[in-house]
């Protein structure tokens, strides 16, 4: 006999060892997961092979293809049920044409994942999102959000080295231990549901991020785990409070975030620099890498970035946040502005050397 509490089945044991029930329950749960994975993998293979057969039969014969799809749809639907209408068969054909190397299929991904990935024309971009899905176990909804928020473009645009070399490097499976391969600018925070045209106190902004911490971790990217909010650090009898603290297991360091709902100021930069130095002295362990500091601000001027310690300190960053999903044109303008700043900074550094 069992009882359900907090959404979990609890056995009413009457003195019986509940570990037996829990062991059997785990066995069944694992078996179901394996069965689902096996069925999903088999269907992905089947859809790919159906697409191959249709493509090889049709080739460039468009009119023949229309007739063939109609014939196949009627027969397959009659024998196998839903899921084989003409539009579904076209997607299977497109699936084969998009992922022609059968050996490179990601069997961890569902058909719904692949339907989203097929909409991406650029092969490098598509490969990146496929890897992200597997490595981060992204749901279909999460994948759609990452694509719509231009996650790949934002990551690519903020790198310091050449665009083509970075494009190839972020495709690799090996995690990058340089912060520039993980941090982004801007950060897209549309999931907070905060109105763009309203003034917010930083405490409200912080609470909104905490309430949606899972979404925020997804936006931050790989390797982040939440540590604390309003982390207190004491020095010389004075208490200081860091808004948000994370740890990144890829970078092997703490990441402290200071939230600013206004435009970036030199006082903000001095504060994050102070927090990072204090954190390294009071909290960082000997086997941790140096702490990274990020100012997450509503806006930032080029001069603040160019003429402050942000230009020289590789562990300090200022990133803009946006409370809505930008259009492609809006993001392009923002990324071009950020790229210009980075390139001018590199030029100045080169002349100084």
Protein backbone atom coordinates (compact mmCIF):
# COMPACT_ATOMS: atom_id res chain seq x y z
CA UNK A 1 0.00 0.00 0.00
CA UNK A 2 1.30 3.46 -0.84
CA UNK A 3 0.62 7.06 0.04
CA UNK A 4 1.38 10.15 -2.07
CA UNK A 5 3.07 13.09 -0.31
CA UNK A 6 4.57 16.17 -1.98
CA UNK A 7 4.19 14.58 -5.39
CA UNK A 8 6.25 11.48 -4.40
CA UNK A 9 4.85 8.01 -3.75
CA UNK A 10 5.61 6.96 -0.17
CA UNK A 11 5.09 3.31 0.81
CA UNK A 12 3.04 2.59 3.96
CA UNK A 13 5.28 -0.19 5.17
CA UNK A 14 3.93 -1.55 8.42
CA UNK A 15 7.46 -2.43 9.48
CA UNK A 16 8.64 -3.56 6.05
CA UNK A 17 12.00 -2.27 4.81
CA UNK A 18 11.11 0.56 2.40
CA UNK A 19 14.50 0.28 0.70
CA UNK A 20 13.13 -2.73 -1.20
CA UNK A 21 10.30 -0.64 -2.64
CA UNK A 22 12.62 2.26 -3.45
CA UNK A 23 15.10 -0.07 -5.14
CA UNK A 24 12.41 -1.61 -7.35
CA UNK A 25 10.98 1.84 -8.08
CA UNK A 26 14.42 3.06 -9.23
CA UNK A 27 14.86 -0.02 -11.41
CA UNK A 28 11.54 0.63 -13.16
CA UNK A 29 12.27 4.34 -13.56
CA UNK A 30 15.67 3.59 -15.12
CA UNK A 31 14.13 0.98 -17.40
CA UNK A 32 11.52 3.46 -18.62
CA UNK A 33 14.20 6.07 -19.28
CA UNK A 34 16.29 3.56 -21.22
CA UNK A 35 13.23 2.43 -23.17
CA UNK A 36 12.31 6.02 -24.05
CA UNK A 37 15.90 6.74 -25.11
CA UNK A 38 16.01 3.61 -27.26
CA UNK A 39 12.66 4.39 -28.90
CA UNK A 40 13.67 8.01 -29.52
CA UNK A 41 16.97 6.94 -31.07
CA UNK A 42 15.22 4.39 -33.28
CA UNK A 43 12.69 6.97 -34.49
CA UNK A 44 15.41 9.53 -35.27
CA UNK A 45 17.22 6.90 -37.33
CA UNK A 46 13.97 5.94 -39.04
CA UNK A 47 13.04 9.53 -39.93
CA UNK A 48 16.53 10.10 -41.32
CA UNK A 49 16.30 6.96 -43.45
CA UNK A 50 12.79 7.86 -44.68
CA UNK A 51 14.15 11.27 -45.67
CA UNK A 52 17.06 9.63 -47.50
CA UNK A 53 14.81 7.32 -49.48
CA UNK A 54 12.49 10.17 -50.48
CA UNK A 55 15.38 12.43 -51.50
CA UNK A 56 17.03 9.71 -53.57
CA UNK A 57 13.72 8.89 -55.28
CA UNK A 58 12.74 12.50 -55.99
CA UNK A 59 16.01 14.27 -56.70
CA UNK A 60 15.24 17.31 -58.87
CA UNK A 61 11.87 16.01 -60.10
CA UNK A 62 9.56 18.42 -58.29
CA UNK A 63 6.29 17.29 -59.89
CA UNK A 64 7.12 13.64 -59.29
CA UNK A 65 7.93 14.53 -55.70
CA UNK A 66 4.48 16.02 -55.10
CA UNK A 67 2.80 12.89 -56.36
CA UNK A 68 5.13 10.61 -54.42
CA UNK A 69 4.57 12.46 -51.12
CA UNK A 70 0.80 12.31 -51.58
CA UNK A 71 0.97 8.58 -52.32
CA UNK A 72 3.27 7.88 -49.36
CA UNK A 73 1.23 10.01 -46.95
CA UNK A 74 -2.01 8.15 -47.73
CA UNK A 75 -0.44 4.72 -47.45
CA UNK A 76 1.68 5.33 -44.35
CA UNK A 77 -1.11 7.16 -42.49
CA UNK A 78 -3.51 4.32 -43.24
CA UNK A 79 -1.06 1.72 -41.95
CA UNK A 80 0.84 3.55 -39.17
CA UNK A 81 -1.48 6.38 -38.09
CA UNK A 82 -0.66 10.07 -37.51
CA UNK A 83 2.72 11.62 -38.13
CA UNK A 84 3.15 10.76 -41.79
CA UNK A 85 1.21 13.45 -43.62
CA UNK A 86 2.86 15.30 -46.51
CA UNK A 87 4.30 18.10 -44.34
CA UNK A 88 5.87 15.54 -41.97
CA UNK A 89 7.42 13.68 -44.87
CA UNK A 90 8.83 16.94 -46.25
CA UNK A 91 10.45 17.58 -42.86
CA UNK A 92 12.00 14.10 -42.92
CA UNK A 93 13.40 14.79 -46.36
CA UNK A 94 14.77 18.12 -45.10
CA UNK A 95 16.18 16.29 -42.06
CA UNK A 96 18.27 14.08 -44.32
CA UNK A 97 19.38 17.02 -46.48
CA UNK A 98 20.41 19.02 -43.39
CA UNK A 99 22.18 16.18 -41.56
CA UNK A 100 23.50 14.04 -44.40
CA UNK A 101 26.15 12.25 -42.33
CA UNK A 102 24.20 9.64 -40.38
CA UNK A 103 27.10 9.03 -38.02
CA UNK A 104 26.95 12.61 -36.71
CA UNK A 105 23.32 12.46 -35.55
CA UNK A 106 22.79 13.32 -31.89
CA UNK A 107 20.60 10.52 -30.54
CA UNK A 108 20.16 12.38 -27.26
CA UNK A 109 18.01 14.92 -29.11
CA UNK A 110 14.31 14.49 -29.82
CA UNK A 111 12.55 15.01 -33.13
CA UNK A 112 11.23 18.31 -31.73
CA UNK A 113 14.84 19.44 -31.13
CA UNK A 114 15.75 18.56 -34.70
CA UNK A 115 12.75 20.41 -36.11
CA UNK A 116 14.06 23.59 -34.47
CA UNK A 117 17.65 22.96 -35.54
CA UNK A 118 16.60 22.45 -39.17
CA UNK A 119 15.36 26.04 -39.25
CA UNK A 120 18.95 27.28 -38.77
CA UNK A 121 20.62 27.83 -42.12
CA UNK A 122 24.19 28.41 -40.94
CA UNK A 123 25.93 25.07 -40.35
CA UNK A 124 28.31 26.36 -37.64
CA UNK A 125 25.45 27.96 -35.73
CA UNK A 126 23.36 24.80 -36.03
CA UNK A 127 26.24 22.62 -34.82
CA UNK A 128 26.79 24.89 -31.84
CA UNK A 129 23.18 24.68 -30.70
CA UNK A 130 23.10 20.92 -31.17
CA UNK A 131 26.15 20.55 -28.93
CA UNK A 132 24.63 22.94 -26.39
CA UNK A 133 21.49 20.79 -26.29
CA UNK A 134 23.47 17.65 -25.55
CA UNK A 135 25.98 19.13 -23.10
CA UNK A 136 23.47 21.23 -21.16
CA UNK A 137 20.52 18.84 -21.59
CA UNK A 138 18.40 21.67 -22.98
CA UNK A 139 14.68 21.10 -23.29
CA UNK A 140 12.95 22.07 -26.53
CA UNK A 141 11.64 25.24 -24.89
CA UNK A 142 15.12 26.15 -23.64
CA UNK A 143 16.65 25.53 -27.06
CA UNK A 144 14.04 27.76 -28.69
CA UNK A 145 14.79 30.49 -26.16
CA UNK A 146 18.55 30.29 -26.78
CA UNK A 147 18.04 30.54 -30.52
CA UNK A 148 15.58 33.43 -30.24
CA UNK A 149 17.92 35.33 -27.90
CA UNK A 150 20.84 34.93 -30.36
CA UNK A 151 22.94 33.12 -27.75
CA UNK A 152 25.54 32.01 -30.29
CA UNK A 153 25.92 35.43 -31.89
CA UNK A 154 26.33 37.16 -28.54
CA UNK A 155 28.96 34.67 -27.42
CA UNK A 156 30.83 34.96 -30.71
CA UNK A 157 30.72 38.76 -30.83
CA UNK A 158 32.35 39.31 -27.45
CA UNK A 159 35.47 37.23 -28.12
CA UNK A 160 38.82 38.97 -28.36
CA UNK A 161 40.47 36.82 -31.02
CA UNK A 162 39.56 36.52 -34.68
CA UNK A 163 35.94 35.73 -35.44
CA UNK A 164 36.69 32.75 -37.68
CA UNK A 165 39.09 31.13 -35.21
CA UNK A 166 36.66 31.63 -32.34
CA UNK A 167 33.81 30.24 -34.44
CA UNK A 168 35.73 26.99 -34.87
CA UNK A 169 36.96 26.89 -31.28
CA UNK A 170 33.55 27.20 -29.65
CA UNK A 171 32.39 24.22 -31.71
CA UNK A 172 34.81 21.88 -29.93
CA UNK A 173 33.67 19.63 -27.12
CA UNK A 174 36.53 20.57 -24.81
CA UNK A 175 35.40 23.34 -22.41
CA UNK A 176 37.32 26.61 -22.75
CA UNK A 177 38.95 27.91 -19.57
CA UNK A 178 39.25 31.51 -20.78
CA UNK A 179 36.42 33.74 -19.45
CA UNK A 180 36.08 35.26 -22.92
CA UNK A 181 34.67 31.99 -24.23
CA UNK A 182 31.91 31.92 -21.61
CA UNK A 183 30.89 35.48 -20.72
CA UNK A 184 28.58 37.44 -23.02
CA UNK A 185 27.52 40.99 -23.72
CA UNK A 186 24.67 41.81 -23.76
CA UNK A 187 22.77 39.49 -21.45
CA UNK A 188 19.13 38.95 -22.45
CA UNK A 189 16.80 38.83 -19.43
CA UNK A 190 13.36 38.80 -21.02
CA UNK A 191 12.31 35.94 -18.73
CA UNK A 192 12.16 38.37 -15.79
CA UNK A 193 9.00 39.92 -17.25
CA UNK A 194 10.13 43.38 -16.14
CA UNK A 195 8.87 46.34 -18.14
CA UNK A 196 11.59 48.11 -20.08
CA UNK A 197 10.28 51.62 -19.44
CA UNK A 198 10.08 51.43 -15.65
CA UNK A 199 12.67 52.40 -13.05
CA UNK A 200 13.69 49.56 -10.76
CA UNK A 201 15.49 49.49 -7.50
CA UNK A 202 18.50 47.18 -7.59
CA UNK A 203 16.92 45.10 -4.83
CA UNK A 204 13.88 44.48 -7.07
CA UNK A 205 16.14 43.53 -9.95
CA UNK A 206 18.08 41.15 -7.72
CA UNK A 207 14.91 39.52 -6.38
CA UNK A 208 13.60 39.01 -9.92
CA UNK A 209 16.83 37.21 -10.87
CA UNK A 210 16.65 35.01 -7.78
CA UNK A 211 13.02 34.14 -8.51
CA UNK A 212 14.07 33.00 -11.99
CA UNK A 213 17.48 31.60 -11.01
CA UNK A 214 17.19 28.55 -13.29
CA UNK A 215 16.55 30.78 -16.31
CA UNK A 216 19.36 33.09 -15.26
CA UNK A 217 21.81 30.17 -15.00
CA UNK A 218 20.81 29.12 -18.50
CA UNK A 219 21.49 32.65 -19.75
CA UNK A 220 24.84 32.84 -17.93
CA UNK A 221 26.00 29.77 -19.83
CA UNK A 222 28.12 26.72 -19.14
CA UNK A 223 29.50 25.74 -15.78
CA UNK A 224 27.70 28.19 -13.47
CA UNK A 225 26.29 27.25 -10.09
CA UNK A 226 24.62 29.64 -7.67
CA UNK A 227 26.46 30.30 -4.38
CA UNK A 228 24.88 33.25 -2.57
CA UNK A 229 23.05 36.55 -2.74
CA UNK A 230 24.12 39.55 -0.66
CA UNK A 231 27.27 37.68 0.31
CA UNK A 232 28.77 39.40 3.35
CA UNK A 233 32.51 39.93 3.50
CA UNK A 234 34.09 41.64 6.49
CA UNK A 235 37.30 43.70 6.41
CA UNK A 236 38.64 45.95 9.15
CA UNK A 237 35.37 45.59 11.04
CA UNK A 238 33.28 46.83 8.09
CA UNK A 239 30.75 44.65 6.29
CA UNK A 240 30.42 44.60 2.50
CA UNK A 241 27.68 42.83 0.54
CA UNK A 242 28.12 41.36 -2.93
CA UNK A 243 24.83 41.17 -4.85
CA UNK A 244 25.24 37.73 -6.44
CA UNK A 245 27.97 35.10 -6.22
CA UNK A 246 28.38 32.11 -8.53
CA UNK A 247 31.04 29.47 -9.03
CA UNK A 248 32.04 28.29 -12.49
CA UNK A 249 33.44 24.76 -12.50
CA UNK A 250 34.90 25.16 -16.00
CA UNK A 251 36.82 28.32 -15.13
CA UNK A 252 37.37 27.00 -11.60
CA UNK A 253 36.72 30.36 -10.01
CA UNK A 254 34.11 32.45 -8.23
CA UNK A 255 32.14 34.97 -10.29
CA UNK A 256 30.77 37.97 -8.40
CA UNK A 257 28.05 40.09 -10.01
CA UNK A 258 27.18 43.63 -9.06
CA UNK A 259 23.78 44.80 -10.33
CA UNK A 260 23.29 48.34 -11.58
CA UNK A 261 19.94 49.48 -12.95
CA UNK A 262 21.42 52.70 -14.33
CA UNK A 263 24.29 53.70 -16.58
CA UNK A 264 27.78 52.48 -15.71
CA UNK A 265 29.86 54.93 -13.60
CA UNK A 266 33.48 54.97 -12.48
CA UNK A 267 32.25 54.45 -8.90
CA UNK A 268 30.63 51.16 -10.04
CA UNK A 269 33.91 50.06 -11.63
CA UNK A 270 35.88 50.92 -8.49
CA UNK A 271 33.39 48.98 -6.40
CA UNK A 272 33.58 45.77 -8.44
CA UNK A 273 37.37 46.01 -8.48
CA UNK A 274 37.32 46.32 -4.67
CA UNK A 275 34.89 43.38 -4.32
CA UNK A 276 37.04 41.12 -6.49
CA UNK A 277 40.23 41.92 -4.60
CA UNK A 278 38.46 41.45 -1.26
CA UNK A 279 36.89 38.18 -2.41
CA UNK A 280 40.25 36.84 -3.54
CA UNK A 281 41.75 37.67 -0.17
CA UNK A 282 38.92 36.51 2.11
CA UNK A 283 37.02 33.76 0.27
CA UNK A 284 39.00 32.27 -2.64
CA UNK A 285 40.73 28.98 -1.89
CA UNK A 286 44.32 28.25 -2.90
CA UNK A 287 43.26 25.94 -5.72
CA UNK A 288 40.73 28.41 -7.16
CA UNK A 289 41.59 30.66 -10.07
CA UNK A 290 41.31 34.44 -9.54
CA UNK A 291 37.79 35.73 -9.03
CA UNK A 292 35.91 37.28 -11.96
CA UNK A 293 33.83 40.41 -11.44
CA UNK A 294 30.91 41.41 -13.66
CA UNK A 295 28.94 44.63 -13.52
CA UNK A 296 25.53 43.94 -15.00
CA UNK A 297 24.22 47.36 -15.98
CA UNK A 298 21.40 48.91 -17.99
CA UNK A 299 23.80 50.93 -20.13
CA UNK A 300 27.49 51.68 -20.42
CA UNK A 301 29.51 54.35 -22.16
CA UNK A 302 32.61 53.67 -24.23
CA UNK A 303 34.75 56.02 -22.13
CA UNK A 304 33.98 54.14 -18.92
CA UNK A 305 35.25 50.95 -20.52
CA UNK A 306 38.19 52.53 -22.31
CA UNK A 307 39.68 54.71 -19.56
CA UNK A 308 39.12 52.56 -16.46
CA UNK A 309 40.61 49.41 -14.98
CA UNK A 310 38.17 47.46 -17.17
CA UNK A 311 40.59 48.01 -20.06
CA UNK A 312 43.55 46.46 -18.23
CA UNK A 313 42.11 43.88 -15.84
CA UNK A 314 41.32 40.59 -17.60
CA UNK A 315 39.04 39.51 -14.76
CA UNK A 316 36.75 42.55 -14.70
CA UNK A 317 33.83 42.92 -17.11
CA UNK A 318 30.93 45.26 -17.66
CA UNK A 319 27.98 43.79 -19.54
CA UNK A 320 24.77 45.40 -20.59
CA UNK A 321 21.46 43.68 -19.94
CA UNK A 322 18.31 43.83 -22.06
CA UNK A 323 14.86 43.11 -20.65
CA UNK A 324 13.36 42.01 -23.95
CA UNK A 325 14.23 39.74 -26.87
CA UNK A 326 15.85 42.03 -29.44
CA UNK A 327 15.22 41.84 -33.14
CA UNK A 328 18.09 40.67 -35.31
CA UNK A 329 18.74 44.26 -36.43
CA UNK A 330 18.72 45.59 -32.85
CA UNK A 331 21.16 42.92 -31.73
CA UNK A 332 23.37 43.49 -34.76
CA UNK A 333 23.70 47.19 -33.93
CA UNK A 334 24.48 46.40 -30.29
CA UNK A 335 27.08 43.78 -31.19
CA UNK A 336 28.72 46.01 -33.79
CA UNK A 337 29.05 48.76 -31.19
CA UNK A 338 30.59 46.29 -28.73
CA UNK A 339 32.92 44.88 -31.39
CA UNK A 340 34.14 48.39 -32.27
CA UNK A 341 34.99 49.03 -28.63
CA UNK A 342 36.94 45.77 -28.37
CA UNK A 343 38.84 46.38 -31.62
CA UNK A 344 39.77 49.96 -30.66
CA UNK A 345 40.97 48.73 -27.30
CA UNK A 346 43.13 46.07 -28.99
CA UNK A 347 44.54 48.70 -31.34
CA UNK A 348 45.49 50.95 -28.42
CA UNK A 349 47.05 48.02 -26.57
CA UNK A 350 49.07 47.13 -29.67
CA UNK A 351 50.36 50.66 -30.09
CA UNK A 352 51.30 50.82 -26.41
CA UNK A 353 53.47 47.74 -26.82
